[in-house]
Amino acid sequence: MRELVIELRYQPGVDSVMDIFIENKRMISKTINFSVTSQSLWRIDRITGPAEALDRLEATLFDSTDCNECLTDETCTTEWDHELLTSTPTSRTVYTHGVAIDDCHSVPHLATETFGTGLLFEAKRRDSRYIWRVLSPTEFRAGPFYESLRAGVTDGIEIRLNQLSELTEWEDDVLSLVDLSYEQRHALETAVEQGYYETPREINTAELADHLDLPRSTVQYRLQRAEAWVAKLFVDSP
């Protein structure tokens, strides 16, 4: 099996969906299921982030007049259908179905057109990056694919082929960052950034609570839950 990693980097103002991720750097989206043929695709994405940003993202995603997969300025006639499967204040699970994707200059369509069927896809969005991993049972012709992907790409989108190699590991575990609640992930990431886990600690729990503008008990609870999640992920890893 061969693995190809494509990283798309967006400048602000280029894509309405990516703009929300750029403005909310702790928001994360990851596909938990993805299937594609030459004519259609369907996917399920789990997204975590601030409540207000998720409301904006939901409204933007559900606007069928806007193709957030196209990499060129050409008009796309792909018909998109979105359905909200689950919703909490800080998370969404969204089903997306696209028909007639051969008119969409996108990673999944061009990969299928170049490499054929039988591909596996994984996609993640965070900050300005939209990262695709493609797994194929056959050899990749990376050159033609890269050239077709870059052809006519919109100004402000940078495309990088980060990896082309034999598969070493595919994320088949259930646990991922999108399964950790946004509140717990925010507390954990902030604690790391502020030196809470350094030796000696650069910030204590009370100071971290002040930084997050939260009660100390709330911060302690969120860190404990996040640490338990990290420990389980570590123990369950092969």
Protein backbone atom coordinates (compact mmCIF):
# COMPACT_ATOMS: atom_id res chain seq x y z
CA MET A 1 0.00 0.00 0.00
CA ARG A 2 1.19 3.50 -0.84
CA GLU A 3 0.43 6.69 1.08
CA LEU A 4 0.26 10.23 -0.28
CA VAL A 5 -0.08 13.31 1.94
CA ILE A 6 -1.28 16.59 0.41
CA GLU A 7 -1.27 19.80 2.44
CA LEU A 8 -3.32 22.80 1.33
CA ARG A 9 -2.53 26.11 3.01
CA TYR A 10 -5.03 28.96 2.70
CA GLN A 11 -4.54 32.69 2.98
CA PRO A 12 -7.38 34.60 4.72
CA GLY A 13 -10.23 35.63 2.43
CA VAL A 14 -9.79 32.78 -0.08
CA ASP A 15 -12.28 30.23 1.27
CA SER A 16 -15.25 30.97 3.53
CA VAL A 17 -14.96 27.69 5.45
CA MET A 18 -11.20 27.90 5.94
CA ASP A 19 -11.56 31.51 7.10
CA ILE A 20 -13.48 30.26 10.14
CA PHE A 21 -10.70 27.82 10.98
CA ILE A 22 -8.07 30.53 10.49
CA GLU A 23 -9.94 32.85 12.87
CA ASN A 24 -10.43 30.05 15.43
CA LYS A 25 -7.11 28.28 15.65
CA ARG A 26 -8.30 25.66 18.15
CA MET A 27 -11.12 24.46 15.89
CA ILE A 28 -10.53 20.99 14.39
CA SER A 29 -12.35 19.01 11.73
CA LYS A 30 -11.62 15.40 10.83
CA THR A 31 -13.34 12.90 8.54
CA ILE A 32 -14.50 9.75 10.29
CA ASN A 33 -15.80 8.22 7.06
CA PHE A 34 -15.08 9.06 3.42
CA SER A 35 -16.10 7.35 0.17
CA VAL A 36 -15.72 8.55 -3.41
CA THR A 37 -16.48 7.35 -6.94
CA SER A 38 -15.91 9.05 -10.29
CA GLN A 39 -19.28 10.77 -10.00
CA SER A 40 -20.05 11.27 -6.32
CA LEU A 41 -18.67 11.38 -2.82
CA TRP A 42 -20.04 11.11 0.68
CA ARG A 43 -18.29 11.83 3.93
CA ILE A 44 -18.86 12.28 7.65
CA ASP A 45 -16.89 14.96 9.49
CA ARG A 46 -16.62 15.57 13.21
CA ILE A 47 -15.84 19.17 14.14
CA THR A 48 -15.02 20.66 17.54
CA GLY A 49 -14.53 24.30 18.43
CA PRO A 50 -16.07 27.40 20.05
CA ALA A 51 -19.87 27.51 19.94
CA GLU A 52 -20.14 30.77 17.97
CA ALA A 53 -17.61 29.59 15.39
CA LEU A 54 -19.45 26.29 14.94
CA ASP A 55 -22.71 28.14 14.34
CA ARG A 56 -21.01 30.16 11.61
CA LEU A 57 -19.41 27.05 10.14
CA GLU A 58 -22.71 25.20 10.03
CA ALA A 59 -24.40 28.07 8.18
CA THR A 60 -21.49 28.30 5.72
CA LEU A 61 -21.31 24.56 5.06
CA PHE A 62 -25.04 24.31 4.49
CA ASP A 63 -24.94 27.03 1.83
CA SER A 64 -25.29 24.82 -1.26
CA THR A 65 -24.28 27.68 -3.58
CA ASP A 66 -20.70 27.59 -2.30
CA CYS A 67 -18.29 24.74 -3.11
CA ASN A 68 -15.72 24.56 -0.30
CA GLU A 69 -13.77 21.75 -1.99
CA CYS A 70 -12.95 23.52 -5.28
CA LEU A 71 -9.40 24.79 -5.65
CA THR A 72 -10.00 27.04 -8.66
CA ASP A 73 -12.24 30.03 -9.39
CA GLU A 74 -14.14 28.13 -12.09
CA THR A 75 -17.85 27.65 -11.49
CA CYS A 76 -18.65 24.24 -10.05
CA THR A 77 -22.03 22.59 -10.71
CA THR A 78 -21.58 19.85 -8.13
CA GLU A 79 -24.77 19.38 -6.11
CA TRP A 80 -23.98 19.34 -2.38
CA ASP A 81 -26.29 18.02 0.31
CA HIS A 82 -25.45 18.37 4.01
CA GLU A 83 -27.17 16.88 7.02
CA LEU A 84 -26.43 17.48 10.69
CA LEU A 85 -26.16 14.10 12.45
CA THR A 86 -25.28 15.27 15.97
CA SER A 87 -24.90 18.68 17.58
CA THR A 88 -23.66 20.02 20.91
CA PRO A 89 -22.64 23.61 21.73
CA THR A 90 -18.97 22.80 20.92
CA SER A 91 -19.20 19.94 18.42
CA ARG A 92 -20.92 18.93 15.19
CA THR A 93 -21.06 15.71 13.17
CA VAL A 94 -21.95 16.49 9.56
CA TYR A 95 -22.86 14.19 6.66
CA THR A 96 -22.04 15.52 3.18
CA HIS A 97 -23.06 14.08 -0.19
CA GLY A 98 -21.83 15.51 -3.49
CA VAL A 99 -23.14 14.51 -6.94
CA ALA A 100 -21.41 15.14 -10.29
CA ILE A 101 -18.05 15.83 -8.66
CA ASP A 102 -16.26 15.50 -12.02
CA ASP A 103 -17.00 19.21 -12.38
CA CYS A 104 -15.19 19.98 -9.10
CA HIS A 105 -11.44 20.69 -9.16
CA SER A 106 -10.78 18.98 -5.83
CA VAL A 107 -8.38 16.56 -4.19
CA PRO A 108 -10.77 13.56 -4.05
CA HIS A 109 -11.99 13.93 -7.64
CA LEU A 110 -8.54 14.41 -9.17
CA ALA A 111 -7.06 11.60 -7.06
CA THR A 112 -9.77 9.21 -8.25
CA GLU A 113 -9.38 10.39 -11.83
CA THR A 114 -5.59 9.90 -11.72
CA PHE A 115 -5.17 6.81 -9.54
CA GLY A 116 -8.47 4.98 -10.07
CA THR A 117 -10.89 3.55 -7.53
CA GLY A 118 -10.09 1.67 -4.33
CA LEU A 119 -8.59 4.69 -2.56
CA LEU A 120 -8.93 5.53 1.13
CA PHE A 121 -9.10 9.17 2.20
CA GLU A 122 -8.60 11.03 5.45
CA ALA A 123 -9.01 14.81 5.71
CA LYS A 124 -8.26 17.24 8.54
CA ARG A 125 -8.78 20.99 8.85
CA ARG A 126 -7.04 23.15 11.43
CA ASP A 127 -5.94 26.80 11.31
CA SER A 128 -4.93 27.53 7.69
CA ARG A 129 -4.19 23.89 6.81
CA TYR A 130 -6.40 21.36 5.03
CA ILE A 131 -4.46 18.07 5.04
CA TRP A 132 -5.40 15.05 2.94
CA ARG A 133 -4.00 11.54 3.32
CA VAL A 134 -4.66 9.16 0.44
CA LEU A 135 -4.00 5.43 0.60
CA SER A 136 -3.79 3.38 -2.61
CA PRO A 137 -3.26 -0.36 -3.28
CA THR A 138 -1.37 0.55 -6.48
CA GLU A 139 1.55 2.79 -7.40
CA PHE A 140 0.94 6.56 -7.37
CA ARG A 141 1.75 8.65 -10.44
CA ALA A 142 2.37 11.66 -8.24
CA GLY A 143 3.72 13.93 -10.98
CA PRO A 144 0.58 14.04 -13.18
CA PHE A 145 -1.65 14.29 -10.11
CA TYR A 146 0.32 17.21 -8.67
CA GLU A 147 0.29 19.05 -11.99
CA SER A 148 -3.47 18.57 -12.44
CA LEU A 149 -4.04 19.71 -8.85
CA ARG A 150 -1.98 22.89 -9.32
CA ALA A 151 -3.51 23.79 -12.70
CA GLY A 152 -5.48 27.01 -12.32
CA VAL A 153 -5.41 26.91 -8.53
CA THR A 154 -6.85 30.00 -6.87
CA ASP A 155 -4.34 32.62 -5.70
CA GLY A 156 -3.86 32.29 -1.97
CA ILE A 157 -3.90 28.47 -1.88
CA GLU A 158 -0.52 26.77 -1.54
CA ILE A 159 -0.29 23.06 -2.38
CA ARG A 160 2.41 20.81 -0.93
CA LEU A 161 3.05 17.13 -1.53
CA ASN A 162 4.45 16.26 1.88
CA GLN A 163 4.85 12.53 1.64
CA LEU A 164 4.89 9.72 -0.90
CA SER A 165 5.90 6.44 0.64
CA GLU A 166 5.00 2.94 1.67
CA LEU A 167 2.30 2.97 4.32
CA THR A 168 3.72 2.75 7.83
CA GLU A 169 0.60 3.44 9.89
CA TRP A 170 -3.04 4.29 9.22
CA GLU A 171 -5.16 5.89 11.90
CA ASP A 172 -7.70 3.17 12.57
CA ASP A 173 -8.16 3.90 16.28
CA VAL A 174 -11.38 5.37 17.55
CA LEU A 175 -9.71 8.04 19.67
CA SER A 176 -8.64 11.27 18.02
CA LEU A 177 -8.45 14.95 18.93
CA VAL A 178 -12.01 15.52 17.74
CA ASP A 179 -13.21 12.97 20.32
CA LEU A 180 -11.80 15.08 23.15
CA SER A 181 -14.31 17.80 24.03
CA TYR A 182 -13.40 21.29 22.89
CA GLU A 183 -13.41 22.60 26.49
CA GLN A 184 -11.04 19.87 27.69
CA ARG A 185 -8.76 20.20 24.66
CA HIS A 186 -8.63 23.98 25.08
CA ALA A 187 -7.64 23.62 28.74
CA LEU A 188 -5.00 20.97 27.96
CA GLU A 189 -3.44 22.86 25.03
CA THR A 190 -3.35 26.10 27.02
CA ALA A 191 -1.74 24.29 29.96
CA VAL A 192 1.00 22.97 27.67
CA GLU A 193 1.52 26.38 26.06
CA GLN A 194 1.77 28.12 29.45
CA GLY A 195 4.29 25.65 30.86
CA TYR A 196 1.99 23.84 33.29
CA TYR A 197 3.63 20.50 32.47
CA GLU A 198 7.21 21.77 32.61
CA THR A 199 9.54 20.77 35.47
CA PRO A 200 9.41 22.91 37.50
CA ARG A 201 5.99 24.25 36.52
CA GLU A 202 5.96 27.70 34.99
CA ILE A 203 2.33 28.28 35.99
CA ASN A 204 0.14 26.77 38.71
CA THR A 205 -3.51 25.77 38.54
CA ALA A 206 -4.78 29.02 40.02
CA GLU A 207 -2.76 31.10 37.55
CA LEU A 208 -3.92 28.89 34.69
CA ALA A 209 -7.53 29.39 35.81
CA ASP A 210 -7.00 33.17 35.80
CA HIS A 211 -5.49 32.93 32.31
CA LEU A 212 -8.51 30.98 31.06
CA ASP A 213 -10.92 33.20 33.04
CA LEU A 214 -12.50 30.11 34.59
CA PRO A 215 -13.02 28.83 38.16
CA ARG A 216 -10.08 26.79 39.44
CA SER A 217 -12.32 23.76 40.04
CA THR A 218 -13.48 23.85 36.41
CA VAL A 219 -9.93 23.94 35.09
CA GLN A 220 -8.89 21.09 37.39
CA TYR A 221 -11.83 18.97 36.22
CA ARG A 222 -11.16 19.62 32.53
CA LEU A 223 -7.46 18.84 32.90
CA GLN A 224 -8.21 15.64 34.79
CA ARG A 225 -10.60 14.49 32.07
CA ALA A 226 -8.15 15.41 29.32
CA GLU A 227 -5.26 13.69 31.10
CA ALA A 228 -7.38 10.55 31.48
CA TRP A 229 -8.08 10.66 27.73
CA VAL A 230 -4.35 11.00 26.97
CA ALA A 231 -3.52 8.12 29.31
CA LYS A 232 -6.11 5.84 27.68
CA LEU A 233 -4.82 6.78 24.23
CA PHE A 234 -1.27 5.91 25.31
CA VAL A 235 -2.23 2.58 26.91
CA ASP A 236 -4.39 1.52 23.96
CA SER A 237 -1.71 2.38 21.37
CA PRO A 238 0.09 -0.66 19.85
